[in-house]
Amino acid sequence: MVHPTAVVAPGATLGNGVEIGPYAVVGAGAVIGDETTLQSHVVLEGSVKIGRKNVVGHGSVIGGLPQDLGFKGGTLSGVEIGDDNIFREYCTVHRGTAEGTATQIGNGNYLMTGVHLGHNCRIGNNVIIANNCLLGGYVRIDDGAFLGGGTTFHQFMHVGRLVMTQGSSAFGKDIPPFLLAAERNFVFGVNLIGLKRAGYSAAERDEVRRAFKLLYRSGLNIKQAVEKAAETEFGLLGQEFFAFVAEARKRGIVPYRHGGDGREL
């Protein structure tokens, strides 16, 4: 089901039930999985591999050249996309900047209108990225995160699992998993609603709060808190939380700002 105005280059691979809308352009390096839909004016450039049952919205461009002054023409890089993702109108996803690398998007993600993913971003599964979010190169977003609209993320930073960020914020430091983050590089507490919706018990949620308090409200610095956590009995969520913190070497982690009423805990 290819519209007669669409341009599909020889060498592109189309699965069963693929739909390509008016004036779409599909390059020779594209591989499109079964039952995926490209709406009008979509452009796929370079090596783009898309899985099954994805929807790519009007005017989206996937596989464009990275906005990296060090990028060399002729570099073989690409974009890899899993299954069941939705890209709304005018999303842009740039391909990897180094030879043999790729920008990677997992399964079940929802990218709303105008989202930009820079080169070599890694998006996990079931991530929601609201309208007009901008992600620089090498940003990593873990499973189940929710990124509020109009928020910017500096290159090389890492957003942990089930993080929720407020819209119109800006971040340049890593955000540990399970937290609420807002404004400019601050966390305000634990994403208790997100944890509950993900099926975690009250005891597990309390464990995350305990880990949060040790890191941010114990008076210890980060190195001391990580050492103290290693001596403390934590379950899987607490261990995941501090493993993230211990590995956040590139940019550091966002600091804590108290919201004033304590309800975030």
C-alpha atoms as a PDB file:
ATOM      1  CA  MET A   1       0.000   0.000   0.000  1.00  0.00           C
ATOM      2  CA  VAL A   2       2.331   2.673  -1.355  1.00  0.00           C
ATOM      3  CA  HIS A   3       0.794   5.980  -2.416  1.00  0.00           C
ATOM      4  CA  PRO A   4       1.587   6.811  -6.052  1.00  0.00           C
ATOM      5  CA  THR A   5       3.294  10.087  -5.058  1.00  0.00           C
ATOM      6  CA  ALA A   6       5.658   8.378  -2.611  1.00  0.00           C
ATOM      7  CA  VAL A   7       9.245   7.689  -3.664  1.00  0.00           C
ATOM      8  CA  VAL A   8      10.685   4.338  -2.583  1.00  0.00           C
ATOM      9  CA  ALA A   9      14.259   3.776  -3.655  1.00  0.00           C
ATOM     10  CA  PRO A  10      15.353   0.459  -5.163  1.00  0.00           C
ATOM     11  CA  GLY A  11      16.973  -1.540  -2.404  1.00  0.00           C
ATOM     12  CA  ALA A  12      14.530  -0.523   0.331  1.00  0.00           C
ATOM     13  CA  THR A  13      12.928  -3.514   2.037  1.00  0.00           C
ATOM     14  CA  LEU A  14       9.220  -3.383   2.882  1.00  0.00           C
ATOM     15  CA  GLY A  15       7.493  -5.951   5.083  1.00  0.00           C
ATOM     16  CA  ASN A  16       3.954  -7.243   4.729  1.00  0.00           C
ATOM     17  CA  GLY A  17       1.167  -4.726   5.210  1.00  0.00           C
ATOM     18  CA  VAL A  18       3.420  -1.655   5.138  1.00  0.00           C
ATOM     19  CA  GLU A  19       1.602   1.591   4.308  1.00  0.00           C
ATOM     20  CA  ILE A  20       3.451   4.568   2.829  1.00  0.00           C
ATOM     21  CA  GLY A  21       1.590   7.843   2.516  1.00  0.00           C
ATOM     22  CA  PRO A  22       1.633  10.704   0.009  1.00  0.00           C
ATOM     23  CA  TYR A  23       4.989  12.309  -0.834  1.00  0.00           C
ATOM     24  CA  ALA A  24       6.944  10.120   1.576  1.00  0.00           C
ATOM     25  CA  VAL A  25      10.573   9.388   0.635  1.00  0.00           C
ATOM     26  CA  VAL A  26      12.145   6.053   1.579  1.00  0.00           C
ATOM     27  CA  GLY A  27      15.875   5.650   0.977  1.00  0.00           C
ATOM     28  CA  ALA A  28      17.690   2.590  -0.332  1.00  0.00           C
ATOM     29  CA  GLY A  29      19.014   1.653   3.112  1.00  0.00           C
ATOM     30  CA  ALA A  30      15.594   1.427   4.777  1.00  0.00           C
ATOM     31  CA  VAL A  31      14.210  -1.805   6.186  1.00  0.00           C
ATOM     32  CA  ILE A  32      10.571  -1.469   7.280  1.00  0.00           C
ATOM     33  CA  GLY A  33       8.860  -4.213   9.295  1.00  0.00           C
ATOM     34  CA  ASP A  34       5.392  -5.652   8.851  1.00  0.00           C
ATOM     35  CA  GLU A  35       2.320  -3.445   9.360  1.00  0.00           C
ATOM     36  CA  THR A  36       4.309  -0.255   9.861  1.00  0.00           C
ATOM     37  CA  THR A  37       2.745   2.977   8.596  1.00  0.00           C
ATOM     38  CA  LEU A  38       4.603   5.990   7.225  1.00  0.00           C
ATOM     39  CA  GLN A  39       2.238   8.943   6.942  1.00  0.00           C
ATOM     40  CA  SER A  40       2.527  11.772   4.422  1.00  0.00           C
ATOM     41  CA  HIS A  41       5.856  13.535   3.805  1.00  0.00           C
ATOM     42  CA  VAL A  42       7.867  11.163   6.006  1.00  0.00           C
ATOM     43  CA  VAL A  43      11.547  10.895   5.035  1.00  0.00           C
ATOM     44  CA  LEU A  44      13.771   7.917   5.832  1.00  0.00           C
ATOM     45  CA  GLU A  45      17.448   8.581   5.056  1.00  0.00           C
ATOM     46  CA  GLY A  46      20.446   6.268   5.224  1.00  0.00           C
ATOM     47  CA  SER A  47      20.398   2.976   7.090  1.00  0.00           C
ATOM     48  CA  VAL A  48      17.100   2.960   8.991  1.00  0.00           C
ATOM     49  CA  LYS A  49      15.748  -0.302  10.392  1.00  0.00           C
ATOM     50  CA  ILE A  50      12.174  -0.135  11.673  1.00  0.00           C
ATOM     51  CA  GLY A  51      10.370  -3.054  13.307  1.00  0.00           C
ATOM     52  CA  ARG A  52       6.726  -4.100  13.277  1.00  0.00           C
ATOM     53  CA  LYS A  53       3.563  -2.054  13.823  1.00  0.00           C
ATOM     54  CA  ASN A  54       5.160   1.359  14.103  1.00  0.00           C
ATOM     55  CA  VAL A  55       3.442   4.594  13.073  1.00  0.00           C
ATOM     56  CA  VAL A  56       5.617   7.451  11.814  1.00  0.00           C
ATOM     57  CA  GLY A  57       3.701  10.731  11.710  1.00  0.00           C
ATOM     58  CA  HIS A  58       3.390  13.365   9.009  1.00  0.00           C
ATOM     59  CA  GLY A  59       6.588  15.198   8.144  1.00  0.00           C
ATOM     60  CA  SER A  60       8.895  13.179  10.394  1.00  0.00           C
ATOM     61  CA  VAL A  61      12.499  12.716   9.277  1.00  0.00           C
ATOM     62  CA  ILE A  62      14.359   9.636  10.496  1.00  0.00           C
ATOM     63  CA  GLY A  63      17.993   8.901   9.748  1.00  0.00           C
ATOM     64  CA  GLY A  64      19.084  12.439   8.943  1.00  0.00           C
ATOM     65  CA  LEU A  65      22.724  13.475   9.229  1.00  0.00           C
ATOM     66  CA  PRO A  66      23.918  14.095  12.800  1.00  0.00           C
ATOM     67  CA  GLN A  67      24.387  17.699  13.880  1.00  0.00           C
ATOM     68  CA  ASP A  68      27.982  17.021  14.836  1.00  0.00           C
ATOM     69  CA  LEU A  69      30.808  19.128  13.400  1.00  0.00           C
ATOM     70  CA  GLY A  70      33.069  16.088  13.682  1.00  0.00           C
ATOM     71  CA  PHE A  71      30.848  13.947  11.456  1.00  0.00           C
ATOM     72  CA  LYS A  72      32.557  12.796   8.277  1.00  0.00           C
ATOM     73  CA  GLY A  73      30.637  12.287   5.065  1.00  0.00           C
ATOM     74  CA  GLY A  74      30.420   8.663   4.013  1.00  0.00           C
ATOM     75  CA  THR A  75      30.350   7.378   7.601  1.00  0.00           C
ATOM     76  CA  LEU A  76      28.214   4.224   7.745  1.00  0.00           C
ATOM     77  CA  SER A  77      25.859   4.654  10.692  1.00  0.00           C
ATOM     78  CA  GLY A  78      22.145   4.297  11.216  1.00  0.00           C
ATOM     79  CA  VAL A  79      18.939   4.270  13.233  1.00  0.00           C
ATOM     80  CA  GLU A  80      17.438   1.127  14.789  1.00  0.00           C
ATOM     81  CA  ILE A  81      13.795   1.138  15.897  1.00  0.00           C
ATOM     82  CA  GLY A  82      11.897  -1.709  17.565  1.00  0.00           C
ATOM     83  CA  ASP A  83       8.180  -2.535  17.494  1.00  0.00           C
ATOM     84  CA  ASP A  84       4.923  -0.755  18.368  1.00  0.00           C
ATOM     85  CA  ASN A  85       6.325   2.765  18.537  1.00  0.00           C
ATOM     86  CA  ILE A  86       4.403   5.928  17.689  1.00  0.00           C
ATOM     87  CA  PHE A  87       6.135   9.003  16.274  1.00  0.00           C
ATOM     88  CA  ARG A  88       3.739  11.900  15.966  1.00  0.00           C
ATOM     89  CA  GLU A  89       4.070  14.762  13.496  1.00  0.00           C
ATOM     90  CA  TYR A  90       7.448  16.324  12.682  1.00  0.00           C
ATOM     91  CA  CYS A  91       9.702  14.183  14.839  1.00  0.00           C
ATOM     92  CA  THR A  92      13.397  14.113  13.880  1.00  0.00           C
ATOM     93  CA  VAL A  93      15.763  11.249  14.677  1.00  0.00           C
ATOM     94  CA  HIS A  94      19.409  11.585  13.612  1.00  0.00           C
ATOM     95  CA  ARG A  95      21.603   8.614  12.858  1.00  0.00           C
ATOM     96  CA  GLY A  96      24.794   7.684  14.694  1.00  0.00           C
ATOM     97  CA  THR A  97      27.818   9.911  14.259  1.00  0.00           C
ATOM     98  CA  ALA A  98      30.612   7.291  14.390  1.00  0.00           C
ATOM     99  CA  GLU A  99      31.242   4.407  12.018  1.00  0.00           C
ATOM    100  CA  GLY A 100      29.023   1.418  12.760  1.00  0.00           C
ATOM    101  CA  THR A 101      26.966   3.158  15.481  1.00  0.00           C
ATOM    102  CA  ALA A 102      23.231   3.754  15.643  1.00  0.00           C
ATOM    103  CA  THR A 103      20.596   5.796  17.378  1.00  0.00           C
ATOM    104  CA  GLN A 104      18.460   3.155  19.102  1.00  0.00           C
ATOM    105  CA  ILE A 105      14.777   3.162  20.052  1.00  0.00           C
ATOM    106  CA  GLY A 106      13.182   0.167  21.765  1.00  0.00           C
ATOM    107  CA  ASN A 107       9.554  -0.967  21.857  1.00  0.00           C
ATOM    108  CA  GLY A 108       6.253   0.622  22.790  1.00  0.00           C
ATOM    109  CA  ASN A 109       7.475   4.221  22.937  1.00  0.00           C
ATOM    110  CA  TYR A 110       5.383   7.311  22.224  1.00  0.00           C
ATOM    111  CA  LEU A 111       7.133  10.383  20.822  1.00  0.00           C
ATOM    112  CA  MET A 112       4.746  13.305  20.570  1.00  0.00           C
ATOM    113  CA  THR A 113       4.811  16.162  18.067  1.00  0.00           C
ATOM    114  CA  GLY A 114       8.133  17.838  17.357  1.00  0.00           C
ATOM    115  CA  VAL A 115      10.403  15.578  19.428  1.00  0.00           C
ATOM    116  CA  HIS A 116      14.075  15.628  18.433  1.00  0.00           C
ATOM    117  CA  LEU A 117      16.492  12.785  19.153  1.00  0.00           C
ATOM    118  CA  GLY A 118      20.125  13.645  18.490  1.00  0.00           C
ATOM    119  CA  HIS A 119      22.698  11.190  17.218  1.00  0.00           C
ATOM    120  CA  ASN A 120      23.388   8.026  19.227  1.00  0.00           C
ATOM    121  CA  CYS A 121      20.505   8.500  21.646  1.00  0.00           C
ATOM    122  CA  ARG A 122      19.289   5.299  23.312  1.00  0.00           C
ATOM    123  CA  ILE A 123      15.607   5.129  24.192  1.00  0.00           C
ATOM    124  CA  GLY A 124      14.401   2.085  26.152  1.00  0.00           C
ATOM    125  CA  ASN A 125      10.885   0.655  26.183  1.00  0.00           C
ATOM    126  CA  ASN A 126       7.525   2.240  27.042  1.00  0.00           C
ATOM    127  CA  VAL A 127       8.984   5.749  27.232  1.00  0.00           C
ATOM    128  CA  ILE A 128       6.706   8.753  26.678  1.00  0.00           C
ATOM    129  CA  ILE A 129       8.355  11.895  25.315  1.00  0.00           C
ATOM    130  CA  ALA A 130       5.929  14.811  25.163  1.00  0.00           C
ATOM    131  CA  ASN A 131       5.749  17.565  22.556  1.00  0.00           C
ATOM    132  CA  ASN A 132       8.862  19.498  21.556  1.00  0.00           C
ATOM    133  CA  CYS A 133      11.359  17.749  23.820  1.00  0.00           C
ATOM    134  CA  LEU A 134      14.935  18.114  22.589  1.00  0.00           C
ATOM    135  CA  LEU A 135      17.543  15.433  23.295  1.00  0.00           C
ATOM    136  CA  GLY A 136      21.195  16.087  22.484  1.00  0.00           C
ATOM    137  CA  GLY A 137      23.611  13.448  21.249  1.00  0.00           C
ATOM    138  CA  TYR A 138      24.236  10.292  23.281  1.00  0.00           C
ATOM    139  CA  VAL A 139      21.318  10.878  25.668  1.00  0.00           C
ATOM    140  CA  ARG A 140      20.045   7.665  27.250  1.00  0.00           C
ATOM    141  CA  ILE A 141      16.451   7.296  28.495  1.00  0.00           C
ATOM    142  CA  ASP A 142      15.595   4.122  30.429  1.00  0.00           C
ATOM    143  CA  ASP A 143      12.339   2.148  30.427  1.00  0.00           C
ATOM    144  CA  GLY A 144       9.084   3.739  31.514  1.00  0.00           C
ATOM    145  CA  ALA A 145      10.345   7.321  31.792  1.00  0.00           C
ATOM    146  CA  PHE A 146       7.992  10.230  31.101  1.00  0.00           C
ATOM    147  CA  LEU A 147       9.554  13.421  29.720  1.00  0.00           C
ATOM    148  CA  GLY A 148       7.372  16.507  30.027  1.00  0.00           C
ATOM    149  CA  GLY A 149       6.788  18.725  26.996  1.00  0.00           C
ATOM    150  CA  GLY A 150       9.259  21.366  25.939  1.00  0.00           C
ATOM    151  CA  THR A 151      12.086  19.963  28.061  1.00  0.00           C
ATOM    152  CA  THR A 152      15.730  19.904  26.965  1.00  0.00           C
ATOM    153  CA  PHE A 153      18.328  17.243  27.756  1.00  0.00           C
ATOM    154  CA  HIS A 154      22.052  17.936  27.391  1.00  0.00           C
ATOM    155  CA  GLN A 155      24.251  15.577  25.420  1.00  0.00           C
ATOM    156  CA  PHE A 156      25.662  12.496  27.186  1.00  0.00           C
ATOM    157  CA  MET A 157      23.196  12.589  30.075  1.00  0.00           C
ATOM    158  CA  HIS A 158      21.254   9.597  31.405  1.00  0.00           C
ATOM    159  CA  VAL A 159      17.643   9.487  32.634  1.00  0.00           C
ATOM    160  CA  GLY A 160      16.844   6.499  34.831  1.00  0.00           C
ATOM    161  CA  ARG A 161      13.920   4.122  34.758  1.00  0.00           C
ATOM    162  CA  LEU A 162      10.440   5.446  35.655  1.00  0.00           C
ATOM    163  CA  VAL A 163      11.676   9.018  36.033  1.00  0.00           C
ATOM    164  CA  MET A 164       9.083  11.741  35.459  1.00  0.00           C
ATOM    165  CA  THR A 165      10.235  15.199  34.390  1.00  0.00           C
ATOM    166  CA  GLN A 166       8.116  18.321  34.488  1.00  0.00           C
ATOM    167  CA  GLY A 167       7.482  20.164  31.236  1.00  0.00           C
ATOM    168  CA  SER A 168       9.534  23.229  30.265  1.00  0.00           C
ATOM    169  CA  SER A 169      12.487  22.040  32.340  1.00  0.00           C
ATOM    170  CA  ALA A 170      16.145  21.651  31.397  1.00  0.00           C
ATOM    171  CA  PHE A 171      18.650  19.036  32.506  1.00  0.00           C
ATOM    172  CA  GLY A 172      22.379  18.595  32.107  1.00  0.00           C
ATOM    173  CA  LYS A 173      23.030  16.047  34.849  1.00  0.00           C
ATOM    174  CA  ASP A 174      21.965  12.427  35.217  1.00  0.00           C
ATOM    175  CA  ILE A 175      18.595  11.752  36.875  1.00  0.00           C
ATOM    176  CA  PRO A 176      18.532   8.604  39.069  1.00  0.00           C
ATOM    177  CA  PRO A 177      15.656   6.152  38.550  1.00  0.00           C
ATOM    178  CA  PHE A 178      12.200   6.494  40.136  1.00  0.00           C
ATOM    179  CA  LEU A 179      12.434  10.235  40.814  1.00  0.00           C
ATOM    180  CA  LEU A 180      10.497  13.408  40.004  1.00  0.00           C
ATOM    181  CA  ALA A 181      12.623  16.074  38.321  1.00  0.00           C
ATOM    182  CA  ALA A 182      11.829  19.643  37.322  1.00  0.00           C
ATOM    183  CA  GLU A 183      13.050  23.175  36.665  1.00  0.00           C
ATOM    184  CA  ARG A 184      16.768  23.358  35.930  1.00  0.00           C
ATOM    185  CA  ASN A 185      18.656  20.311  37.193  1.00  0.00           C
ATOM    186  CA  PHE A 186      16.660  19.523  40.332  1.00  0.00           C
ATOM    187  CA  VAL A 187      14.838  16.520  41.732  1.00  0.00           C
ATOM    188  CA  PHE A 188      11.952  16.996  44.138  1.00  0.00           C
ATOM    189  CA  GLY A 189      11.202  13.492  45.379  1.00  0.00           C
ATOM    190  CA  VAL A 190      10.119   9.994  44.411  1.00  0.00           C
ATOM    191  CA  ASN A 191       7.733   9.212  41.543  1.00  0.00           C
ATOM    192  CA  LEU A 192       5.387   7.269  43.813  1.00  0.00           C
ATOM    193  CA  ILE A 193       2.462   7.344  41.381  1.00  0.00           C
ATOM    194  CA  GLY A 194       4.663   6.025  38.567  1.00  0.00           C
ATOM    195  CA  LEU A 195       5.956   3.217  40.781  1.00  0.00           C
ATOM    196  CA  LYS A 196       2.429   2.290  41.833  1.00  0.00           C
ATOM    197  CA  ARG A 197       1.220   2.254  38.231  1.00  0.00           C
ATOM    198  CA  ALA A 198       4.177   0.023  37.343  1.00  0.00           C
ATOM    199  CA  GLY A 199       2.926  -2.508  39.881  1.00  0.00           C
ATOM    200  CA  TYR A 200       5.393  -1.986  42.719  1.00  0.00           C
ATOM    201  CA  SER A 201       4.139  -2.684  46.240  1.00  0.00           C
ATOM    202  CA  ALA A 202       3.971  -0.232  49.129  1.00  0.00           C
ATOM    203  CA  ALA A 203       7.039  -1.929  50.650  1.00  0.00           C
ATOM    204  CA  GLU A 204       8.987  -1.504  47.415  1.00  0.00           C
ATOM    205  CA  ARG A 205       7.971   2.129  47.162  1.00  0.00           C
ATOM    206  CA  ASP A 206       9.091   2.670  50.739  1.00  0.00           C
ATOM    207  CA  GLU A 207      12.450   1.158  49.845  1.00  0.00           C
ATOM    208  CA  VAL A 208      12.923   3.700  47.068  1.00  0.00           C
ATOM    209  CA  ARG A 209      12.040   6.501  49.494  1.00  0.00           C
ATOM    210  CA  ARG A 210      14.605   5.123  51.926  1.00  0.00           C
ATOM    211  CA  ALA A 211      17.253   5.126  49.194  1.00  0.00           C
ATOM    212  CA  PHE A 212      16.273   8.662  48.202  1.00  0.00           C
ATOM    213  CA  LYS A 213      16.596   9.925  51.767  1.00  0.00           C
ATOM    214  CA  LEU A 214      20.004   8.298  52.179  1.00  0.00           C
ATOM    215  CA  LEU A 215      21.298   9.957  49.017  1.00  0.00           C
ATOM    216  CA  TYR A 216      19.708  13.382  49.324  1.00  0.00           C
ATOM    217  CA  ARG A 217      18.688  14.026  52.924  1.00  0.00           C
ATOM    218  CA  SER A 218      21.241  12.269  55.127  1.00  0.00           C
ATOM    219  CA  GLY A 219      23.854  15.011  55.005  1.00  0.00           C
ATOM    220  CA  LEU A 220      26.321  12.676  53.293  1.00  0.00           C
ATOM    221  CA  ASN A 221      28.013  13.535  50.014  1.00  0.00           C
ATOM    222  CA  ILE A 222      27.439  11.255  47.030  1.00  0.00           C
ATOM    223  CA  LYS A 223      30.552   9.143  47.581  1.00  0.00           C
ATOM    224  CA  GLN A 224      29.702   8.670  51.258  1.00  0.00           C
ATOM    225  CA  ALA A 225      26.065   7.820  50.474  1.00  0.00           C
ATOM    226  CA  VAL A 226      27.107   5.174  47.938  1.00  0.00           C
ATOM    227  CA  GLU A 227      29.501   3.650  50.476  1.00  0.00           C
ATOM    228  CA  LYS A 228      26.795   3.698  53.159  1.00  0.00           C
ATOM    229  CA  ALA A 229      24.324   2.060  50.756  1.00  0.00           C
ATOM    230  CA  ALA A 230      26.780  -0.788  50.188  1.00  0.00           C
ATOM    231  CA  GLU A 231      26.635  -1.476  53.937  1.00  0.00           C
ATOM    232  CA  THR A 232      22.839  -1.199  54.083  1.00  0.00           C
ATOM    233  CA  GLU A 233      20.322  -3.922  53.318  1.00  0.00           C
ATOM    234  CA  PHE A 234      18.481  -2.894  50.156  1.00  0.00           C
ATOM    235  CA  GLY A 235      16.296  -4.921  47.832  1.00  0.00           C
ATOM    236  CA  LEU A 236      16.439  -4.836  44.037  1.00  0.00           C
ATOM    237  CA  LEU A 237      15.057  -1.314  43.636  1.00  0.00           C
ATOM    238  CA  GLY A 238      17.413   0.213  46.171  1.00  0.00           C
ATOM    239  CA  GLN A 239      20.340  -1.608  44.590  1.00  0.00           C
ATOM    240  CA  GLU A 240      19.316  -0.382  41.136  1.00  0.00           C
ATOM    241  CA  PHE A 241      19.042   3.183  42.445  1.00  0.00           C
ATOM    242  CA  PHE A 242      22.544   3.245  43.931  1.00  0.00           C
ATOM    243  CA  ALA A 243      24.099   1.336  41.028  1.00  0.00           C
ATOM    244  CA  PHE A 244      22.904   4.164  38.794  1.00  0.00           C
ATOM    245  CA  VAL A 245      24.317   6.803  41.148  1.00  0.00           C
ATOM    246  CA  ALA A 246      27.665   5.025  41.387  1.00  0.00           C
ATOM    247  CA  GLU A 247      27.978   4.949  37.593  1.00  0.00           C
ATOM    248  CA  ALA A 248      26.962   8.581  37.003  1.00  0.00           C
ATOM    249  CA  ARG A 249      30.512   9.761  36.384  1.00  0.00           C
ATOM    250  CA  LYS A 250      30.250  11.780  33.176  1.00  0.00           C
ATOM    251  CA  ARG A 251      27.976  14.617  34.242  1.00  0.00           C
ATOM    252  CA  GLY A 252      27.130  13.898  37.899  1.00  0.00           C
ATOM    253  CA  ILE A 253      23.579  13.661  39.242  1.00  0.00           C
ATOM    254  CA  VAL A 254      20.921  16.297  39.710  1.00  0.00           C
ATOM    255  CA  PRO A 255      20.720  17.817  43.231  1.00  0.00           C
ATOM    256  CA  TYR A 256      17.660  17.902  45.474  1.00  0.00           C
ATOM    257  CA  ARG A 257      15.410  20.877  46.076  1.00  0.00           C
ATOM    258  CA  HIS A 258      12.727  20.599  48.763  1.00  0.00           C
ATOM    259  CA  GLY A 259       9.234  21.375  47.540  1.00  0.00           C
ATOM    260  CA  GLY A 260       8.183  22.946  50.830  1.00  0.00           C
ATOM    261  CA  ASP A 261       5.436  20.624  52.053  1.00  0.00           C
ATOM    262  CA  GLY A 262       7.173  17.228  52.182  1.00  0.00           C
ATOM    263  CA  ARG A 263       4.467  15.463  50.167  1.00  0.00           C
ATOM    264  CA  GLU A 264       6.971  14.363  47.510  1.00  0.00           C
ATOM    265  CA  LEU A 265       8.305  11.766  49.942  1.00  0.00           C
END
